[in-house]
All heavy atoms as atom14 arrays in JSON, in Angstrom:
{
  "sequence": "TKPNSLRDCIWFWNCRALRPLTFDRLPIHLVPDVEHEDWVDFDRQ",
  "atom14_mask": [
    [1, 1, 1, 1, 1, 1, 1, 0, 0, 0, 0, 0, 0, 0],
    [1, 1, 1, 1, 1, 1, 1, 1, 1, 0, 0, 0, 0, 0],
    [1, 1, 1, 1, 1, 1, 1, 0, 0, 0, 0, 0, 0, 0],
    [1, 1, 1, 1, 1, 1, 1, 1, 0, 0, 0, 0, 0, 0],
    [1, 1, 1, 1, 1, 1, 0, 0, 0, 0, 0, 0, 0, 0],
    [1, 1, 1, 1, 1, 1, 1, 1, 0, 0, 0, 0, 0, 0],
    [1, 1, 1, 1, 1, 1, 1, 1, 1, 1, 1, 0, 0, 0],
    [1, 1, 1, 1, 1, 1, 1, 1, 0, 0, 0, 0, 0, 0],
    [1, 1, 1, 1, 1, 1, 0, 0, 0, 0, 0, 0, 0, 0],
    [1, 1, 1, 1, 1, 1, 1, 1, 0, 0, 0, 0, 0, 0],
    [1, 1, 1, 1, 1, 1, 1, 1, 1, 1, 1, 1, 1, 1],
    [1, 1, 1, 1, 1, 1, 1, 1, 1, 1, 1, 0, 0, 0],
    [1, 1, 1, 1, 1, 1, 1, 1, 1, 1, 1, 1, 1, 1],
    [1, 1, 1, 1, 1, 1, 1, 1, 0, 0, 0, 0, 0, 0],
    [1, 1, 1, 1, 1, 1, 0, 0, 0, 0, 0, 0, 0, 0],
    [1, 1, 1, 1, 1, 1, 1, 1, 1, 1, 1, 0, 0, 0],
    [1, 1, 1, 1, 1, 0, 0, 0, 0, 0, 0, 0, 0, 0],
    [1, 1, 1, 1, 1, 1, 1, 1, 0, 0, 0, 0, 0, 0],
    [1, 1, 1, 1, 1, 1, 1, 1, 1, 1, 1, 0, 0, 0],
    [1, 1, 1, 1, 1, 1, 1, 0, 0, 0, 0, 0, 0, 0],
    [1, 1, 1, 1, 1, 1, 1, 1, 0, 0, 0, 0, 0, 0],
    [1, 1, 1, 1, 1, 1, 1, 0, 0, 0, 0, 0, 0, 0],
    [1, 1, 1, 1, 1, 1, 1, 1, 1, 1, 1, 0, 0, 0],
    [1, 1, 1, 1, 1, 1, 1, 1, 0, 0, 0, 0, 0, 0],
    [1, 1, 1, 1, 1, 1, 1, 1, 1, 1, 1, 0, 0, 0],
    [1, 1, 1, 1, 1, 1, 1, 1, 0, 0, 0, 0, 0, 0],
    [1, 1, 1, 1, 1, 1, 1, 0, 0, 0, 0, 0, 0, 0],
    [1, 1, 1, 1, 1, 1, 1, 1, 0, 0, 0, 0, 0, 0],
    [1, 1, 1, 1, 1, 1, 1, 1, 1, 1, 0, 0, 0, 0],
    [1, 1, 1, 1, 1, 1, 1, 1, 0, 0, 0, 0, 0, 0],
    [1, 1, 1, 1, 1, 1, 1, 0, 0, 0, 0, 0, 0, 0],
    [1, 1, 1, 1, 1, 1, 1, 0, 0, 0, 0, 0, 0, 0],
    [1, 1, 1, 1, 1, 1, 1, 1, 0, 0, 0, 0, 0, 0],
    [1, 1, 1, 1, 1, 1, 1, 0, 0, 0, 0, 0, 0, 0],
    [1, 1, 1, 1, 1, 1, 1, 1, 1, 0, 0, 0, 0, 0],
    [1, 1, 1, 1, 1, 1, 1, 1, 1, 1, 0, 0, 0, 0],
    [1, 1, 1, 1, 1, 1, 1, 1, 1, 0, 0, 0, 0, 0],
    [1, 1, 1, 1, 1, 1, 1, 1, 0, 0, 0, 0, 0, 0],
    [1, 1, 1, 1, 1, 1, 1, 1, 1, 1, 1, 1, 1, 1],
    [1, 1, 1, 1, 1, 1, 1, 0, 0, 0, 0, 0, 0, 0],
    [1, 1, 1, 1, 1, 1, 1, 1, 0, 0, 0, 0, 0, 0],
    [1, 1, 1, 1, 1, 1, 1, 1, 1, 1, 1, 0, 0, 0],
    [1, 1, 1, 1, 1, 1, 1, 1, 0, 0, 0, 0, 0, 0],
    [1, 1, 1, 1, 1, 1, 1, 1, 1, 1, 1, 0, 0, 0],
    [1, 1, 1, 1, 1, 1, 1, 1, 1, 0, 0, 0, 0, 0]
  ],
  "atom14_positions": [
    [[99.3, 144.38, 113.52], [99.84, 143.53, 112.46], [101.19, 144.06, 111.92], [101.49, 145.25, 112.05], [98.84, 143.54, 111.27], [99.32, 142.67, 110.24], [98.62, 144.91, 110.7], [0.0, 0.0, 0.0], [0.0, 0.0, 0.0], [0.0, 0.0, 0.0], [0.0, 0.0, 0.0], [0.0, 0.0, 0.0], [0.0, 0.0, 0.0], [0.0, 0.0, 0.0]],
    [[101.92, 143.15, 111.38], [103.05, 143.57, 110.49], [102.45, 144.21, 109.3], [101.35, 143.81, 108.84], [103.89, 142.37, 110.11], [104.57, 141.65, 111.32], [105.7, 142.49, 111.9], [106.45, 141.75, 112.97], [107.43, 142.62, 113.68], [0.0, 0.0, 0.0], [0.0, 0.0, 0.0], [0.0, 0.0, 0.0], [0.0, 0.0, 0.0], [0.0, 0.0, 0.0]],
    [[103.07, 145.21, 108.66], [102.39, 145.96, 107.6], [101.87, 145.15, 106.44], [100.83, 145.51, 105.92], [103.5, 146.93, 107.16], [104.38, 147.12, 108.31], [104.33, 145.77, 109.05], [0.0, 0.0, 0.0], [0.0, 0.0, 0.0], [0.0, 0.0, 0.0], [0.0, 0.0, 0.0], [0.0, 0.0, 0.0], [0.0, 0.0, 0.0], [0.0, 0.0, 0.0]],
    [[102.47, 143.99, 106.15], [101.96, 143.2, 105.01], [101.71, 141.76, 105.42], [101.86, 140.87, 104.57], [103.07, 143.24, 103.89], [103.1, 144.62, 103.23], [102.14, 145.06, 102.63], [104.23, 145.28, 103.34], [0.0, 0.0, 0.0], [0.0, 0.0, 0.0], [0.0, 0.0, 0.0], [0.0, 0.0, 0.0], [0.0, 0.0, 0.0], [0.0, 0.0, 0.0]],
    [[101.24, 141.55, 106.59], [100.85, 140.19, 107.04], [99.52, 139.79, 106.43], [98.43, 140.31, 106.86], [100.77, 140.08, 108.55], [100.23, 138.89, 108.98], [0.0, 0.0, 0.0], [0.0, 0.0, 0.0], [0.0, 0.0, 0.0], [0.0, 0.0, 0.0], [0.0, 0.0, 0.0], [0.0, 0.0, 0.0], [0.0, 0.0, 0.0], [0.0, 0.0, 0.0]],
    [[99.49, 138.92, 105.5], [98.26, 138.47, 104.86], [97.41, 137.76, 105.87], [96.19, 137.94, 105.87], [98.61, 137.53, 103.64], [97.42, 136.95, 102.94], [96.55, 138.01, 102.31], [97.85, 135.97, 101.84], [0.0, 0.0, 0.0], [0.0, 0.0, 0.0], [0.0, 0.0, 0.0], [0.0, 0.0, 0.0], [0.0, 0.0, 0.0], [0.0, 0.0, 0.0]],
    [[97.94, 136.95, 106.66], [97.14, 136.17, 107.64], [96.42, 137.1, 108.59], [95.19, 136.93, 108.9], [98.03, 135.17, 108.41], [97.27, 134.18, 109.19], [98.25, 133.13, 109.74], [97.55, 132.15, 110.62], [98.0, 131.72, 111.78], [99.15, 132.14, 112.24], [97.3, 130.88, 112.49], [0.0, 0.0, 0.0], [0.0, 0.0, 0.0], [0.0, 0.0, 0.0]],
    [[97.19, 138.07, 109.18], [96.56, 139.05, 110.03], [95.37, 139.75, 109.35], [94.34, 139.99, 109.93], [97.57, 140.01, 110.56], [98.09, 139.62, 111.98], [97.29, 139.11, 112.8], [99.32, 139.78, 112.22], [0.0, 0.0, 0.0], [0.0, 0.0, 0.0], [0.0, 0.0, 0.0], [0.0, 0.0, 0.0], [0.0, 0.0, 0.0], [0.0, 0.0, 0.0]],
    [[95.69, 140.28, 108.16], [94.71, 141.09, 107.41], [93.42, 140.33, 107.1], [92.33, 140.85, 107.16], [95.32, 141.71, 106.19], [96.53, 143.0, 106.54], [0.0, 0.0, 0.0], [0.0, 0.0, 0.0], [0.0, 0.0, 0.0], [0.0, 0.0, 0.0], [0.0, 0.0, 0.0], [0.0, 0.0, 0.0], [0.0, 0.0, 0.0], [0.0, 0.0, 0.0]],
    [[93.56, 139.02, 106.74], [92.35, 138.23, 106.44], [91.57, 138.02, 107.72], [90.32, 138.1, 107.7], [92.77, 136.88, 105.77], [93.18, 137.18, 104.32], [91.66, 135.9, 105.83], [93.61, 135.87, 103.56], [0.0, 0.0, 0.0], [0.0, 0.0, 0.0], [0.0, 0.0, 0.0], [0.0, 0.0, 0.0], [0.0, 0.0, 0.0], [0.0, 0.0, 0.0]],
    [[92.27, 137.67, 108.78], [91.52, 137.36, 110.02], [90.81, 138.68, 110.54], [89.67, 138.63, 110.97], [92.45, 136.78, 111.09], [92.46, 135.3, 111.02], [93.37, 134.52, 110.33], [91.53, 134.39, 111.65], [93.05, 133.22, 110.47], [91.95, 133.05, 111.3], [90.41, 134.57, 112.42], [91.25, 131.94, 111.73], [89.69, 133.43, 112.84], [90.11, 132.14, 112.47]],
    [[91.55, 139.77, 110.46], [90.94, 141.06, 110.84], [89.7, 141.34, 109.98], [88.6, 141.72, 110.47], [91.96, 142.19, 110.72], [91.33, 143.56, 110.66], [90.88, 144.2, 111.84], [91.16, 144.24, 109.46], [90.3, 145.45, 111.72], [90.58, 145.52, 109.37], [90.12, 146.09, 110.53], [0.0, 0.0, 0.0], [0.0, 0.0, 0.0], [0.0, 0.0, 0.0]],
    [[89.89, 141.19, 108.68], [88.79, 141.5, 107.72], [87.57, 140.66, 108.05], [86.46, 141.2, 108.07], [89.26, 141.24, 106.31], [88.27, 141.49, 105.23], [87.18, 140.79, 104.91], [88.3, 142.65, 104.35], [86.46, 141.4, 103.84], [87.19, 142.51, 103.55], [89.22, 143.69, 104.15], [86.9, 143.45, 102.5], [88.93, 144.66, 103.08], [87.74, 144.46, 102.33]],
    [[87.76, 139.35, 108.26], [86.63, 138.49, 108.49], [85.93, 138.7, 109.83], [84.7, 138.59, 109.91], [87.04, 137.04, 108.3], [87.35, 136.71, 106.85], [86.89, 137.4, 105.94], [88.04, 135.62, 106.59], [0.0, 0.0, 0.0], [0.0, 0.0, 0.0], [0.0, 0.0, 0.0], [0.0, 0.0, 0.0], [0.0, 0.0, 0.0], [0.0, 0.0, 0.0]],
    [[86.68, 139.01, 110.84], [86.11, 139.35, 112.16], [85.37, 140.64, 112.05], [84.19, 140.78, 112.55], [87.12, 139.43, 113.25], [87.76, 137.77, 113.77], [0.0, 0.0, 0.0], [0.0, 0.0, 0.0], [0.0, 0.0, 0.0], [0.0, 0.0, 0.0], [0.0, 0.0, 0.0], [0.0, 0.0, 0.0], [0.0, 0.0, 0.0], [0.0, 0.0, 0.0]],
    [[85.92, 141.62, 111.33], [85.17, 142.88, 111.16], [83.88, 142.74, 110.39], [82.86, 143.32, 110.6], [86.05, 143.88, 110.44], [85.43, 145.26, 110.22], [86.35, 146.16, 109.4], [86.63, 145.61, 108.11], [87.55, 146.13, 107.25], [88.2, 147.23, 107.63], [87.77, 145.57, 106.06], [0.0, 0.0, 0.0], [0.0, 0.0, 0.0], [0.0, 0.0, 0.0]],
    [[83.92, 141.73, 109.42], [82.75, 141.57, 108.54], [81.52, 141.02, 109.35], [80.37, 141.21, 109.02], [83.05, 140.52, 107.45], [0.0, 0.0, 0.0], [0.0, 0.0, 0.0], [0.0, 0.0, 0.0], [0.0, 0.0, 0.0], [0.0, 0.0, 0.0], [0.0, 0.0, 0.0], [0.0, 0.0, 0.0], [0.0, 0.0, 0.0], [0.0, 0.0, 0.0]],
    [[81.81, 140.37, 110.54], [80.73, 139.76, 111.37], [80.44, 140.59, 112.6], [79.64, 140.12, 113.41], [81.18, 138.37, 111.73], [81.29, 137.31, 110.61], [81.66, 136.01, 111.14], [79.99, 137.29, 109.82], [0.0, 0.0, 0.0], [0.0, 0.0, 0.0], [0.0, 0.0, 0.0], [0.0, 0.0, 0.0], [0.0, 0.0, 0.0], [0.0, 0.0, 0.0]],
    [[80.98, 141.76, 112.73], [80.75, 142.53, 113.98], [79.32, 143.02, 113.95], [78.7, 143.25, 112.89], [81.68, 143.76, 114.08], [81.5, 144.75, 112.94], [82.38, 145.95, 113.11], [82.32, 146.79, 111.9], [82.77, 147.98, 111.88], [83.39, 148.53, 112.93], [82.71, 148.76, 110.77], [0.0, 0.0, 0.0], [0.0, 0.0, 0.0], [0.0, 0.0, 0.0]],
    [[78.69, 143.21, 115.13], [77.32, 143.75, 115.23], [77.34, 145.22, 114.72], [78.27, 145.92, 114.99], [77.05, 143.65, 116.7], [78.29, 143.63, 117.4], [79.24, 142.94, 116.45], [0.0, 0.0, 0.0], [0.0, 0.0, 0.0], [0.0, 0.0, 0.0], [0.0, 0.0, 0.0], [0.0, 0.0, 0.0], [0.0, 0.0, 0.0], [0.0, 0.0, 0.0]],
    [[76.23, 145.62, 114.13], [76.13, 146.94, 113.52], [74.95, 147.77, 114.12], [75.02, 148.99, 114.1], [75.96, 146.84, 111.99], [77.17, 146.2, 111.23], [76.79, 145.94, 109.79], [78.39, 147.03, 111.38], [0.0, 0.0, 0.0], [0.0, 0.0, 0.0], [0.0, 0.0, 0.0], [0.0, 0.0, 0.0], [0.0, 0.0, 0.0], [0.0, 0.0, 0.0]],
    [[73.91, 147.07, 114.46], [72.66, 147.77, 114.89], [72.48, 147.8, 116.38], [72.23, 148.86, 116.98], [71.45, 147.16, 114.2], [71.65, 147.21, 112.79], [70.19, 147.89, 114.52], [0.0, 0.0, 0.0], [0.0, 0.0, 0.0], [0.0, 0.0, 0.0], [0.0, 0.0, 0.0], [0.0, 0.0, 0.0], [0.0, 0.0, 0.0], [0.0, 0.0, 0.0]],
    [[72.45, 146.63, 116.98], [72.06, 146.52, 118.39], [73.26, 146.73, 119.37], [72.97, 146.89, 120.57], [71.44, 145.13, 118.63], [70.25, 144.94, 117.74], [70.36, 143.98, 116.7], [69.07, 145.58, 117.93], [69.25, 143.82, 115.81], [68.0, 145.36, 117.1], [68.08, 144.46, 116.07], [0.0, 0.0, 0.0], [0.0, 0.0, 0.0], [0.0, 0.0, 0.0]],
    [[74.41, 146.67, 118.85], [75.56, 146.95, 119.69], [76.68, 147.57, 118.8], [76.6, 147.53, 117.59], [75.99, 145.64, 120.34], [76.94, 145.91, 121.57], [77.13, 147.09, 121.99], [77.46, 144.92, 122.11], [0.0, 0.0, 0.0], [0.0, 0.0, 0.0], [0.0, 0.0, 0.0], [0.0, 0.0, 0.0], [0.0, 0.0, 0.0], [0.0, 0.0, 0.0]],
    [[77.76, 147.96, 119.49], [78.88, 148.55, 118.78], [80.08, 147.75, 119.19], [80.41, 147.63, 120.37], [78.99, 150.01, 119.17], [80.13, 150.71, 118.47], [80.07, 152.2, 118.66], [81.31, 152.88, 118.25], [82.04, 153.56, 119.07], [81.74, 153.75, 120.27], [83.21, 154.09, 118.58], [0.0, 0.0, 0.0], [0.0, 0.0, 0.0], [0.0, 0.0, 0.0]],
    [[80.8, 147.24, 118.16], [82.04, 146.55, 118.37], [83.12, 147.24, 117.57], [83.36, 146.9, 116.38], [81.96, 145.08, 117.99], [83.26, 144.24, 118.01], [83.93, 144.29, 119.38], [82.96, 142.79, 117.57], [0.0, 0.0, 0.0], [0.0, 0.0, 0.0], [0.0, 0.0, 0.0], [0.0, 0.0, 0.0], [0.0, 0.0, 0.0], [0.0, 0.0, 0.0]],
    [[83.82, 148.27, 118.09], [84.86, 148.92, 117.38], [86.0, 147.95, 117.17], [86.44, 147.23, 118.08], [85.31, 150.05, 118.3], [84.19, 150.22, 119.28], [83.59, 148.87, 119.47], [0.0, 0.0, 0.0], [0.0, 0.0, 0.0], [0.0, 0.0, 0.0], [0.0, 0.0, 0.0], [0.0, 0.0, 0.0], [0.0, 0.0, 0.0], [0.0, 0.0, 0.0]],
    [[86.48, 147.82, 115.91], [87.6, 146.98, 115.61], [88.55, 147.71, 114.66], [88.09, 148.15, 113.57], [87.13, 145.63, 115.05], [88.3, 144.71, 114.6], [86.14, 145.82, 113.87], [87.92, 143.29, 114.28], [0.0, 0.0, 0.0], [0.0, 0.0, 0.0], [0.0, 0.0, 0.0], [0.0, 0.0, 0.0], [0.0, 0.0, 0.0], [0.0, 0.0, 0.0]],
    [[89.82, 147.84, 115.07], [90.77, 148.69, 114.34], [92.02, 147.86, 114.08], [92.48, 147.12, 114.91], [91.09, 149.92, 115.16], [89.92, 150.74, 115.59], [88.96, 151.26, 114.7], [89.45, 151.04, 116.87], [88.05, 151.86, 115.43], [88.3, 151.75, 116.7], [0.0, 0.0, 0.0], [0.0, 0.0, 0.0], [0.0, 0.0, 0.0], [0.0, 0.0, 0.0]],
    [[92.59, 148.13, 112.88], [93.84, 147.52, 112.47], [94.91, 148.54, 112.47], [94.79, 149.64, 111.93], [93.71, 146.88, 111.04], [94.82, 146.1, 110.51], [95.01, 144.79, 111.29], [94.63, 145.8, 109.03], [0.0, 0.0, 0.0], [0.0, 0.0, 0.0], [0.0, 0.0, 0.0], [0.0, 0.0, 0.0], [0.0, 0.0, 0.0], [0.0, 0.0, 0.0]],
    [[96.06, 148.24, 113.18], [97.14, 149.22, 113.29], [98.48, 148.47, 113.0], [98.64, 147.31, 113.41], [97.2, 149.93, 114.57], [96.02, 150.8, 114.82], [97.36, 149.0, 115.73], [0.0, 0.0, 0.0], [0.0, 0.0, 0.0], [0.0, 0.0, 0.0], [0.0, 0.0, 0.0], [0.0, 0.0, 0.0], [0.0, 0.0, 0.0], [0.0, 0.0, 0.0]],
    [[99.46, 149.09, 112.42], [100.79, 148.48, 112.27], [101.52, 148.49, 113.54], [101.32, 149.35, 114.45], [101.49, 149.41, 111.27], [100.81, 150.72, 111.41], [99.42, 150.49, 111.83], [0.0, 0.0, 0.0], [0.0, 0.0, 0.0], [0.0, 0.0, 0.0], [0.0, 0.0, 0.0], [0.0, 0.0, 0.0], [0.0, 0.0, 0.0], [0.0, 0.0, 0.0]],
    [[102.43, 147.49, 113.71], [103.0, 147.25, 115.05], [104.03, 148.32, 115.5], [104.25, 148.5, 116.63], [103.65, 145.87, 115.07], [104.78, 145.71, 114.12], [104.67, 146.32, 113.02], [105.78, 145.02, 114.43], [0.0, 0.0, 0.0], [0.0, 0.0, 0.0], [0.0, 0.0, 0.0], [0.0, 0.0, 0.0], [0.0, 0.0, 0.0], [0.0, 0.0, 0.0]],
    [[104.63, 149.05, 114.6], [105.63, 150.01, 114.94], [105.29, 151.43, 114.48], [105.35, 152.35, 115.23], [107.02, 149.63, 114.35], [108.1, 150.68, 114.66], [107.47, 148.27, 114.88], [0.0, 0.0, 0.0], [0.0, 0.0, 0.0], [0.0, 0.0, 0.0], [0.0, 0.0, 0.0], [0.0, 0.0, 0.0], [0.0, 0.0, 0.0], [0.0, 0.0, 0.0]],
    [[104.86, 151.55, 113.27], [104.68, 152.86, 112.62], [103.81, 153.79, 113.42], [103.96, 155.01, 113.43], [104.18, 152.68, 111.23], [104.15, 153.94, 110.34], [103.64, 153.64, 108.96], [103.34, 152.43, 108.61], [103.66, 154.52, 108.13], [0.0, 0.0, 0.0], [0.0, 0.0, 0.0], [0.0, 0.0, 0.0], [0.0, 0.0, 0.0], [0.0, 0.0, 0.0]],
    [[102.74, 153.27, 114.05], [101.78, 154.12, 114.76], [102.39, 155.01, 115.88], [101.86, 156.02, 116.23], [100.69, 153.22, 115.36], [101.13, 152.53, 116.61], [101.79, 151.3, 116.53], [101.0, 152.83, 117.95], [102.04, 150.89, 117.8], [101.58, 151.79, 118.6], [0.0, 0.0, 0.0], [0.0, 0.0, 0.0], [0.0, 0.0, 0.0], [0.0, 0.0, 0.0]],
    [[103.56, 154.61, 116.38], [104.23, 155.38, 117.41], [104.7, 156.73, 116.9], [104.97, 157.56, 117.72], [105.36, 154.58, 118.03], [104.92, 153.28, 118.73], [106.07, 152.51, 119.3], [107.23, 152.81, 118.95], [105.82, 151.55, 120.1], [0.0, 0.0, 0.0], [0.0, 0.0, 0.0], [0.0, 0.0, 0.0], [0.0, 0.0, 0.0], [0.0, 0.0, 0.0]],
    [[104.76, 156.92, 115.59], [105.18, 158.19, 115.05], [104.02, 159.08, 114.71], [104.24, 160.18, 114.2], [106.03, 157.97, 113.76], [107.34, 157.19, 114.02], [107.88, 157.41, 115.14], [107.78, 156.39, 113.17], [0.0, 0.0, 0.0], [0.0, 0.0, 0.0], [0.0, 0.0, 0.0], [0.0, 0.0, 0.0], [0.0, 0.0, 0.0], [0.0, 0.0, 0.0]],
    [[102.76, 158.58, 114.93], [101.62, 159.39, 114.58], [101.31, 160.41, 115.78], [100.92, 159.93, 116.8], [100.39, 158.54, 114.26], [100.65, 157.58, 113.14], [101.61, 157.65, 112.21], [99.87, 156.4, 112.82], [101.49, 156.55, 111.33], [100.4, 155.8, 111.72], [98.72, 155.84, 113.45], [99.87, 154.62, 111.18], [98.17, 154.72, 112.88], [98.77, 154.12, 111.76]],
    [[101.49, 161.64, 115.53], [101.33, 162.63, 116.56], [99.92, 162.58, 117.16], [98.95, 162.64, 116.43], [101.66, 164.01, 116.05], [101.38, 165.09, 117.12], [103.08, 164.12, 115.57], [0.0, 0.0, 0.0], [0.0, 0.0, 0.0], [0.0, 0.0, 0.0], [0.0, 0.0, 0.0], [0.0, 0.0, 0.0], [0.0, 0.0, 0.0], [0.0, 0.0, 0.0]],
    [[99.85, 162.4, 118.47], [98.62, 162.55, 119.22], [97.68, 161.34, 118.95], [96.5, 161.28, 119.39], [97.82, 163.79, 118.86], [97.11, 164.38, 120.08], [97.53, 164.09, 121.19], [96.06, 165.06, 119.86], [0.0, 0.0, 0.0], [0.0, 0.0, 0.0], [0.0, 0.0, 0.0], [0.0, 0.0, 0.0], [0.0, 0.0, 0.0], [0.0, 0.0, 0.0]],
    [[98.13, 160.29, 118.29], [97.32, 159.15, 117.98], [96.85, 158.37, 119.29], [95.75, 157.94, 119.38], [97.99, 158.19, 117.04], [97.12, 157.0, 116.63], [96.07, 157.17, 115.77], [97.42, 155.7, 117.06], [95.25, 156.13, 115.33], [96.65, 154.62, 116.63], [95.58, 154.81, 115.77], [0.0, 0.0, 0.0], [0.0, 0.0, 0.0], [0.0, 0.0, 0.0]],
    [[97.73, 158.32, 120.23], [97.43, 157.7, 121.48], [96.29, 158.36, 122.19], [95.36, 157.67, 122.68], [98.64, 157.55, 122.35], [99.2, 158.9, 122.74], [99.09, 159.84, 121.9], [99.81, 159.08, 123.83], [0.0, 0.0, 0.0], [0.0, 0.0, 0.0], [0.0, 0.0, 0.0], [0.0, 0.0, 0.0], [0.0, 0.0, 0.0], [0.0, 0.0, 0.0]],
    [[96.28, 159.67, 122.14], [95.17, 160.41, 122.78], [93.87, 160.19, 122.02], [92.78, 160.06, 122.7], [95.42, 161.91, 122.8], [94.36, 162.73, 123.6], [94.54, 164.18, 123.3], [94.34, 164.5, 121.87], [93.18, 164.62, 121.33], [92.04, 164.35, 121.97], [93.09, 164.84, 120.01], [0.0, 0.0, 0.0], [0.0, 0.0, 0.0], [0.0, 0.0, 0.0]],
    [[93.95, 160.1, 120.72], [92.71, 159.88, 119.91], [92.12, 158.43, 120.2], [90.95, 158.23, 120.23], [93.02, 160.01, 118.39], [93.25, 161.42, 118.02], [93.67, 161.53, 116.54], [94.6, 161.01, 116.06], [92.8, 162.33, 115.82], [0.0, 0.0, 0.0], [0.0, 0.0, 0.0], [0.0, 0.0, 0.0], [0.0, 0.0, 0.0], [0.0, 0.0, 0.0]]
  ]
}
């Protein structure tokens, strides 16, 4: 997402709200489109 994209954040929020929690695992993560490249070792994580 762009850091302050309301549309992206709402859609992410609502899809995360409906992810399975018990019988399966659906990892869902929100990241900014540029800033994450400066996070040391984030790609490895």
